[in-house]
PDB file of N, CA and C in Angstrom:
ATOM      1  N   MET A   1      62.880  11.139  20.949  1.00  0.00           N
ATOM      2  CA  MET A   1      62.236  11.891  19.880  1.00  0.00           C
ATOM      3  C   MET A   1      62.169  11.062  18.597  1.00  0.00           C
ATOM      4  N   LYS A   2      63.290  10.389  18.286  1.00  0.00           N
ATOM      5  CA  LYS A   2      63.330   9.572  17.081  1.00  0.00           C
ATOM      6  C   LYS A   2      62.336   8.416  17.191  1.00  0.00           C
ATOM      7  N   LYS A   3      62.217   7.840  18.374  1.00  0.00           N
ATOM      8  CA  LYS A   3      61.278   6.741  18.607  1.00  0.00           C
ATOM      9  C   LYS A   3      59.841   7.204  18.389  1.00  0.00           C
ATOM     10  N   GLU A   4      59.535   8.415  18.850  1.00  0.00           N
ATOM     11  CA  GLU A   4      58.190   8.967  18.663  1.00  0.00           C
ATOM     12  C   GLU A   4      57.880   9.153  17.183  1.00  0.00           C
ATOM     13  N   LEU A   5      58.866   9.633  16.429  1.00  0.00           N
ATOM     14  CA  LEU A   5      58.673   9.819  14.987  1.00  0.00           C
ATOM     15  C   LEU A   5      58.436   8.480  14.297  1.00  0.00           C
ATOM     16  N   GLU A   6      59.208   7.479  14.692  1.00  0.00           N
ATOM     17  CA  GLU A   6      59.033   6.152  14.106  1.00  0.00           C
ATOM     18  C   GLU A   6      57.653   5.594  14.445  1.00  0.00           C
ATOM     19  N   ASP A   7      57.246   5.759  15.696  1.00  0.00           N
ATOM     20  CA  ASP A   7      55.922   5.284  16.107  1.00  0.00           C
ATOM     21  C   ASP A   7      54.818   6.004  15.333  1.00  0.00           C
ATOM     22  N   THR A   8      54.989   7.313  15.166  1.00  0.00           N
ATOM     23  CA  THR A   8      54.011   8.099  14.408  1.00  0.00           C
ATOM     24  C   THR A   8      53.965   7.639  12.958  1.00  0.00           C
ATOM     25  N   GLN A   9      55.150   7.382  12.379  1.00  0.00           N
ATOM     26  CA  GLN A   9      55.219   6.923  10.987  1.00  0.00           C
ATOM     27  C   GLN A   9      54.516   5.566  10.839  1.00  0.00           C
ATOM     28  N   VAL A  10      54.755   4.661  11.775  1.00  0.00           N
ATOM     29  CA  VAL A  10      54.115   3.345  11.742  1.00  0.00           C
ATOM     30  C   VAL A  10      52.597   3.493  11.860  1.00  0.00           C
ATOM     31  N   ALA A  11      52.162   4.369  12.758  1.00  0.00           N
ATOM     32  CA  ALA A  11      50.726   4.594  12.935  1.00  0.00           C
ATOM     33  C   ALA A  11      50.107   5.188  11.681  1.00  0.00           C
ATOM     34  N   LEU A  12      50.804   6.125  11.038  1.00  0.00           N
ATOM     35  CA  LEU A  12      50.297   6.730   9.799  1.00  0.00           C
ATOM     36  C   LEU A  12      50.195   5.696   8.687  1.00  0.00           C
ATOM     37  N   GLU A  13      51.204   4.845   8.574  1.00  0.00           N
ATOM     38  CA  GLU A  13      51.175   3.803   7.546  1.00  0.00           C
ATOM     39  C   GLU A  13      50.025   2.826   7.795  1.00  0.00           C
ATOM     40  N   ALA A  14      49.825   2.478   9.059  1.00  0.00           N
ATOM     41  CA  ALA A  14      48.719   1.578   9.394  1.00  0.00           C
ATOM     42  C   ALA A  14      47.379   2.235   9.074  1.00  0.00           C
ATOM     43  N   SER A  15      47.252   3.508   9.412  1.00  0.00           N
ATOM     44  CA  SER A  15      46.016   4.240   9.113  1.00  0.00           C
ATOM     45  C   SER A  15      45.781   4.308   7.614  1.00  0.00           C
ATOM     46  N   HIS A  16      46.851   4.546   6.866  1.00  0.00           N
ATOM     47  CA  HIS A  16      46.749   4.622   5.410  1.00  0.00           C
ATOM     48  C   HIS A  16      46.258   3.284   4.848  1.00  0.00           C
ATOM     49  N   LYS A  17      46.815   2.181   5.357  1.00  0.00           N
ATOM     50  CA  LYS A  17      46.393   0.856   4.884  1.00  0.00           C
ATOM     51  C   LYS A  17      44.916   0.614   5.196  1.00  0.00           C
ATOM     52  N   VAL A  18      44.487   1.031   6.368  1.00  0.00           N
ATOM     53  CA  VAL A  18      43.082   0.866   6.741  1.00  0.00           C
ATOM     54  C   VAL A  18      42.194   1.692   5.816  1.00  0.00           C
ATOM     55  N   ILE A  19      42.597   2.930   5.555  1.00  0.00           N
ATOM     56  CA  ILE A  19      41.812   3.810   4.679  1.00  0.00           C
ATOM     57  C   ILE A  19      41.738   3.229   3.276  1.00  0.00           C
ATOM     58  N   VAL A  20      42.872   2.740   2.765  1.00  0.00           N
ATOM     59  CA  VAL A  20      42.886   2.137   1.429  1.00  0.00           C
ATOM     60  C   VAL A  20      41.962   0.920   1.395  1.00  0.00           C
ATOM     61  N   GLY A  21      42.039   0.093   2.425  1.00  0.00           N
ATOM     62  CA  GLY A  21      41.182  -1.091   2.490  1.00  0.00           C
ATOM     63  C   GLY A  21      39.712  -0.728   2.528  1.00  0.00           C
ATOM     64  N   LEU A  22      39.370   0.252   3.343  1.00  0.00           N
ATOM     65  CA  LEU A  22      37.972   0.681   3.435  1.00  0.00           C
ATOM     66  C   LEU A  22      37.493   1.297   2.125  1.00  0.00           C
ATOM     67  N   THR A  23      38.368   2.036   1.456  1.00  0.00           N
ATOM     68  CA  THR A  23      38.017   2.630   0.163  1.00  0.00           C
ATOM     69  C   THR A  23      37.728   1.535  -0.856  1.00  0.00           C
ATOM     70  N   GLU A  24      38.570   0.499  -0.877  1.00  0.00           N
ATOM     71  CA  GLU A  24      38.348  -0.612  -1.807  1.00  0.00           C
ATOM     72  C   GLU A  24      37.029  -1.316  -1.508  1.00  0.00           C
ATOM     73  N   ILE A  25      36.744  -1.509  -0.232  1.00  0.00           N
ATOM     74  CA  ILE A  25      35.475  -2.136   0.152  1.00  0.00           C
ATOM     75  C   ILE A  25      34.307  -1.261  -0.293  1.00  0.00           C
ATOM     76  N   GLY A  26      34.432   0.043  -0.084  1.00  0.00           N
ATOM     77  CA  GLY A  26      33.373   0.969  -0.489  1.00  0.00           C
ATOM     78  C   GLY A  26      33.135   0.939  -1.986  1.00  0.00           C
ATOM     79  N   LEU A  27      34.221   0.924  -2.771  1.00  0.00           N
ATOM     80  CA  LEU A  27      34.080   0.867  -4.226  1.00  0.00           C
ATOM     81  C   LEU A  27      33.443  -0.449  -4.660  1.00  0.00           C
ATOM     82  N   SER A  28      33.856  -1.520  -4.025  1.00  0.00           N
ATOM     83  CA  SER A  28      33.285  -2.828  -4.342  1.00  0.00           C
ATOM     84  C   SER A  28      31.790  -2.848  -4.038  1.00  0.00           C
ATOM     85  N   MET A  29      31.413  -2.301  -2.906  1.00  0.00           N
ATOM     86  CA  MET A  29      29.996  -2.252  -2.535  1.00  0.00           C
ATOM     87  C   MET A  29      29.212  -1.384  -3.514  1.00  0.00           C
ATOM     88  N   SER A  30      29.802  -0.265  -3.931  1.00  0.00           N
ATOM     89  CA  SER A  30      29.121   0.610  -4.894  1.00  0.00           C
ATOM     90  C   SER A  30      28.863  -0.123  -6.201  1.00  0.00           C
ATOM     91  N   LYS A  31      29.858  -0.880  -6.661  1.00  0.00           N
ATOM     92  CA  LYS A  31      29.687  -1.643  -7.897  1.00  0.00           C
ATOM     93  C   LYS A  31      28.583  -2.685  -7.736  1.00  0.00           C
ATOM     94  N   ARG A  32      28.568  -3.360  -6.597  1.00  0.00           N
ATOM     95  CA  ARG A  32      27.525  -4.362  -6.354  1.00  0.00           C
ATOM     96  C   ARG A  32      26.149  -3.723  -6.328  1.00  0.00           C
ATOM     97  N   ILE A  33      26.051  -2.577  -5.687  1.00  0.00           N
ATOM     98  CA  ILE A  33      24.766  -1.875  -5.604  1.00  0.00           C
ATOM     99  C   ILE A  33      24.289  -1.485  -6.997  1.00  0.00           C
ATOM    100  N   GLU A  34      25.201  -0.990  -7.833  1.00  0.00           N
ATOM    101  CA  GLU A  34      24.826  -0.611  -9.199  1.00  0.00           C
ATOM    102  C   GLU A  34      24.346  -1.827  -9.983  1.00  0.00           C
ATOM    103  N   LYS A  35      25.045  -2.954  -9.828  1.00  0.00           N
ATOM    104  CA  LYS A  35      24.618  -4.175 -10.519  1.00  0.00           C
ATOM    105  C   LYS A  35      23.235  -4.604 -10.047  1.00  0.00           C
ATOM    106  N   MET A  36      22.999  -4.494  -8.746  1.00  0.00           N
ATOM    107  CA  MET A  36      21.690  -4.863  -8.203  1.00  0.00           C
ATOM    108  C   MET A  36      20.601  -3.939  -8.733  1.00  0.00           C
ATOM    109  N   LYS A  37      20.911  -2.644  -8.869  1.00  0.00           N
ATOM    110  CA  LYS A  37      19.929  -1.700  -9.407  1.00  0.00           C
ATOM    111  C   LYS A  37      19.577  -2.060 -10.840  1.00  0.00           C
ATOM    112  N   VAL A  38      20.598  -2.416 -11.630  1.00  0.00           N
ATOM    113  CA  VAL A  38      20.361  -2.792 -13.025  1.00  0.00           C
ATOM    114  C   VAL A  38      19.496  -4.048 -13.084  1.00  0.00           C
ATOM    115  N   LYS A  39      19.820  -5.039 -12.247  1.00  0.00           N
ATOM    116  CA  LYS A  39      19.017  -6.264 -12.219  1.00  0.00           C
ATOM    117  C   LYS A  39      17.578  -5.970 -11.828  1.00  0.00           C
ATOM    118  N   ARG A  40      17.395  -5.085 -10.850  1.00  0.00           N
ATOM    119  CA  ARG A  40      16.045  -4.740 -10.402  1.00  0.00           C
ATOM    120  C   ARG A  40      15.274  -4.047 -11.524  1.00  0.00           C
ATOM    121  N   GLN A  41      15.951  -3.149 -12.248  1.00  0.00           N
ATOM    122  CA  GLN A  41      15.282  -2.456 -13.352  1.00  0.00           C
ATOM    123  C   GLN A  41      14.890  -3.438 -14.452  1.00  0.00           C
ATOM    124  N   LEU A  42      15.783  -4.384 -14.754  1.00  0.00           N
ATOM    125  CA  LEU A  42      15.470  -5.385 -15.775  1.00  0.00           C
ATOM    126  C   LEU A  42      14.304  -6.265 -15.336  1.00  0.00           C
ATOM    127  N   ALA A  43      14.313  -6.655 -14.076  1.00  0.00           N
ATOM    128  CA  ALA A  43      13.215  -7.478 -13.558  1.00  0.00           C
ATOM    129  C   ALA A  43      11.899  -6.717 -13.631  1.00  0.00           C
ATOM    130  N   LYS A  44      11.933  -5.433 -13.295  1.00  0.00           N
ATOM    131  CA  LYS A  44      10.716  -4.618 -13.350  1.00  0.00           C
ATOM    132  C   LYS A  44      10.226  -4.494 -14.788  1.00  0.00           C
ATOM    133  N   ALA A  45      11.155  -4.257 -15.720  1.00  0.00           N
ATOM    134  CA  ALA A  45      10.775  -4.135 -17.130  1.00  0.00           C
ATOM    135  C   ALA A  45      10.186  -5.448 -17.635  1.00  0.00           C
ATOM    136  N   ASN A  46      10.796  -6.567 -17.255  1.00  0.00           N
ATOM    137  CA  ASN A  46      10.270  -7.871 -17.662  1.00  0.00           C
ATOM    138  C   ASN A  46       8.885  -8.109 -17.076  1.00  0.00           C
ATOM    139  N   HIS A  47       8.700  -7.699 -15.839  1.00  0.00           N
ATOM    140  CA  HIS A  47       7.394  -7.867 -15.196  1.00  0.00           C
ATOM    141  C   HIS A  47       6.331  -7.047 -15.915  1.00  0.00           C
ATOM    142  N   VAL A  48       6.664  -5.810 -16.246  1.00  0.00           N
ATOM    143  CA  VAL A  48       5.709  -4.938 -16.944  1.00  0.00           C
ATOM    144  C   VAL A  48       5.355  -5.537 -18.302  1.00  0.00           C
ATOM    145  N   GLU A  49       6.373  -6.013 -19.022  1.00  0.00           N
ATOM    146  CA  GLU A  49       6.129  -6.613 -20.335  1.00  0.00           C
ATOM    147  C   GLU A  49       5.239  -7.853 -20.209  1.00  0.00           C
ATOM    148  N   CYS A  50       5.537  -8.689 -19.230  1.00  0.00           N
ATOM    149  CA  CYS A  50       4.736  -9.897 -19.001  1.00  0.00           C
ATOM    150  C   CYS A  50       3.296  -9.519 -18.655  1.00  0.00           C
ATOM    151  N   HIS A  51       3.136  -8.514 -17.808  1.00  0.00           N
ATOM    152  CA  HIS A  51       1.800  -8.062 -17.412  1.00  0.00           C
ATOM    153  C   HIS A  51       1.028  -7.555 -18.627  1.00  0.00           C
ATOM    154  N   GLN A  52       1.695  -6.792 -19.484  1.00  0.00           N
ATOM    155  CA  GLN A  52       1.029  -6.258 -20.671  1.00  0.00           C
ATOM    156  C   GLN A  52       0.594  -7.382 -21.607  1.00  0.00           C
ATOM    157  N   LYS A  53       1.462  -8.385 -21.773  1.00  0.00           N
ATOM    158  CA  LYS A  53       1.102  -9.521 -22.628  1.00  0.00           C
ATOM    159  C   LYS A  53      -0.088 -10.280 -22.042  1.00  0.00           C
ATOM    160  N   PHE A  54      -0.075 -10.451 -20.733  1.00  0.00           N
ATOM    161  CA  PHE A  54      -1.173 -11.153 -20.069  1.00  0.00           C
ATOM    162  C   PHE A  54      -2.475 -10.375 -20.236  1.00  0.00           C
ATOM    163  N   GLN A  55      -2.409  -9.058 -20.071  1.00  0.00           N
ATOM    164  CA  GLN A  55      -3.599  -8.215 -20.243  1.00  0.00           C
ATOM    165  C   GLN A  55      -4.116  -8.313 -21.673  1.00  0.00           C
ATOM    166  N   ALA A  56      -3.203  -8.355 -22.646  1.00  0.00           N
ATOM    167  CA  ALA A  56      -3.614  -8.474 -24.044  1.00  0.00           C
ATOM    168  C   ALA A  56      -4.340  -9.800 -24.273  1.00  0.00           C
ATOM    169  N   ARG A  57      -3.835 -10.874 -23.665  1.00  0.00           N
ATOM    170  CA  ARG A  57      -4.505 -12.177 -23.799  1.00  0.00           C
ATOM    171  C   ARG A  57      -5.895 -12.147 -23.174  1.00  0.00           C
ATOM    172  N   ILE A  58      -6.006 -11.486 -22.043  1.00  0.00           N
ATOM    173  CA  ILE A  58      -7.315 -11.373 -21.386  1.00  0.00           C
ATOM    174  C   ILE A  58      -8.290 -10.629 -22.290  1.00  0.00           C
ATOM    175  N   HIS A  59      -7.839  -9.525 -22.891  1.00  0.00           N
ATOM    176  CA  HIS A  59      -8.715  -8.751 -23.780  1.00  0.00           C
ATOM    177  C   HIS A  59      -9.116  -9.578 -25.003  1.00  0.00           C
ATOM    178  N   GLU A  60      -8.168 -10.351 -25.544  1.00  0.00           N
ATOM    179  CA  GLU A  60      -8.496 -11.207 -26.686  1.00  0.00           C
ATOM    180  C   GLU A  60      -9.557 -12.233 -26.298  1.00  0.00           C
ATOM    181  N   ALA A  61      -9.396 -12.826 -25.124  1.00  0.00           N
ATOM    182  CA  ALA A  61     -10.375 -13.819 -24.661  1.00  0.00           C
ATOM    183  C   ALA A  61     -11.740 -13.169 -24.452  1.00  0.00           C
ATOM    184  N   GLU A  62     -11.757 -11.973 -23.878  1.00  0.00           N
ATOM    185  CA  GLU A  62     -13.028 -11.267 -23.672  1.00  0.00           C
ATOM    186  C   GLU A  62     -13.690 -10.949 -25.004  1.00  0.00           C
ATOM    187  N   ASP A  63     -12.905 -10.472 -25.972  1.00  0.00           N
ATOM    188  CA  ASP A  63     -13.453 -10.162 -27.298  1.00  0.00           C
ATOM    189  C   ASP A  63     -14.015 -11.417 -27.958  1.00  0.00           C
ATOM    190  N   SER A  64     -13.293 -12.522 -27.822  1.00  0.00           N
ATOM    191  CA  SER A  64     -13.754 -13.784 -28.405  1.00  0.00           C
ATOM    192  C   SER A  64     -15.064 -14.232 -27.762  1.00  0.00           C
ATOM    193  N   MET A  65     -15.145 -14.092 -26.442  1.00  0.00           N
ATOM    194  CA  MET A  65     -16.378 -14.472 -25.743  1.00  0.00           C
ATOM    195  C   MET A  65     -17.542 -13.596 -26.177  1.00  0.00           C
ATOM    196  N   GLN A  66     -17.308 -12.305 -26.354  1.00  0.00           N
ATOM    197  CA  GLN A  66     -18.374 -11.403 -26.802  1.00  0.00           C
ATOM    198  C   GLN A  66     -18.840 -11.781 -28.202  1.00  0.00           C
ATOM    199  N   ALA A  67     -17.885 -12.118 -29.063  1.00  0.00           N
ATOM    200  CA  ALA A  67     -18.245 -12.517 -30.423  1.00  0.00           C
ATOM    201  C   ALA A  67     -19.065 -13.802 -30.396  1.00  0.00           C
ATOM    202  N   GLN A  68     -18.678 -14.741 -29.555  1.00  0.00           N
ATOM    203  CA  GLN A  68     -19.434 -15.992 -29.445  1.00  0.00           C
ATOM    204  C   GLN A  68     -20.846 -15.737 -28.927  1.00  0.00           C
ATOM    205  N   HIS A  69     -20.974 -14.846 -27.961  1.00  0.00           N
ATOM    206  CA  HIS A  69     -22.307 -14.509 -27.444  1.00  0.00           C
ATOM    207  C   HIS A  69     -23.169 -13.882 -28.533  1.00  0.00           C
ATOM    208  N   LEU A  70     -22.575 -13.021 -29.344  1.00  0.00           N
ATOM    209  CA  LEU A  70     -23.336 -12.415 -30.445  1.00  0.00           C
ATOM    210  C   LEU A  70     -23.804 -13.479 -31.428  1.00  0.00           C
ATOM    211  N   LEU A  71     -22.922 -14.422 -31.755  1.00  0.00           N
ATOM    212  CA  LEU A  71     -23.308 -15.498 -32.672  1.00  0.00           C
ATOM    213  C   LEU A  71     -24.428 -16.347 -32.078  1.00  0.00           C
ATOM    214  N   ILE A  72     -24.319 -16.638 -30.800  1.00  0.00           N
ATOM    215  CA  ILE A  72     -25.376 -17.416 -30.135  1.00  0.00           C
ATOM    216  C   ILE A  72     -26.694 -16.659 -30.175  1.00  0.00           C
ATOM    217  N   ASP A  73     -26.645 -15.352 -29.885  1.00  0.00           N
ATOM    218  CA  ASP A  73     -27.871 -14.541 -29.924  1.00  0.00           C
ATOM    219  C   ASP A  73     -28.485 -14.547 -31.315  1.00  0.00           C
ATOM    220  N   VAL A  74     -27.645 -14.421 -32.337  1.00  0.00           N
ATOM    221  CA  VAL A  74     -28.147 -14.417 -33.716  1.00  0.00           C
ATOM    222  C   VAL A  74     -28.793 -15.758 -34.037  1.00  0.00           C
ATOM    223  N   ARG A  75     -28.161 -16.845 -33.651  1.00  0.00           N
ATOM    224  CA  ARG A  75     -28.718 -18.178 -33.934  1.00  0.00           C
ATOM    225  C   ARG A  75     -30.027 -18.412 -33.177  1.00  0.00           C
ATOM    226  N   VAL A  76     -30.050 -17.979 -31.926  1.00  0.00           N
ATOM    227  CA  VAL A  76     -31.286 -18.129 -31.144  1.00  0.00           C
ATOM    228  C   VAL A  76     -32.402 -17.314 -31.786  1.00  0.00           C
ATOM    229  N   ASP A  77     -32.094 -16.073 -32.179  1.00  0.00           N
ATOM    230  CA  ASP A  77     -33.105 -15.231 -32.836  1.00  0.00           C
ATOM    231  C   ASP A  77     -33.575 -15.867 -34.137  1.00  0.00           C
ATOM    232  N   ALA A  78     -32.650 -16.452 -34.890  1.00  0.00           N
ATOM    233  CA  ALA A  78     -33.017 -17.084 -36.158  1.00  0.00           C
ATOM    234  C   ALA A  78     -33.915 -18.292 -35.911  1.00  0.00           C
ATOM    235  N   GLN A  79     -33.601 -19.078 -34.899  1.00  0.00           N
ATOM    236  CA  GLN A  79     -34.430 -20.250 -34.601  1.00  0.00           C
ATOM    237  C   GLN A  79     -35.812 -19.828 -34.102  1.00  0.00           C
ATOM    238  N   LEU A  80     -35.854 -18.771 -33.302  1.00  0.00           N
ATOM    239  CA  LEU A  80     -37.144 -18.280 -32.819  1.00  0.00           C
ATOM    240  C   LEU A  80     -37.982 -17.739 -33.971  1.00  0.00           C
ATOM    241  N   ALA A  81     -37.326 -17.138 -34.943  1.00  0.00           N
ATOM    242  CA  ALA A  81     -38.050 -16.594 -36.097  1.00  0.00           C
ATOM    243  C   ALA A  81     -38.613 -17.717 -36.955  1.00  0.00           C
ATOM    244  N   ASN A  82     -37.963 -18.860 -36.963  1.00  0.00           N
ATOM    245  CA  ASN A  82     -38.426 -20.001 -37.763  1.00  0.00           C
ATOM    246  C   ASN A  82     -39.568 -20.747 -37.084  1.00  0.00           C
ATOM    247  N   LEU A  83     -39.824 -20.477 -35.844  1.00  0.00           N
ATOM    248  CA  LEU A  83     -40.914 -21.170 -35.142  1.00  0.00           C
ATOM    249  C   LEU A  83     -42.213 -20.598 -35.483  1.00  0.00           C
TER     250      LEU A  83
END
């Protein structure tokens, strides 16, 4: 009977150590996952900001091209009027 109790106690202690180890692994994984989520959110925010800046540059270039076309049209009209 005493041997059975000792064996049970040893088994319980071993189970406890396994549970503690698995809990630590789980907590570690949770922390890593949270860090990865934060990194992903930052990367997404940076991507959106970069995209917006790029779009703004495209619009500026388009506006500049339209202004140049208007100037060309005005000059062509002026030269045609002088003929």
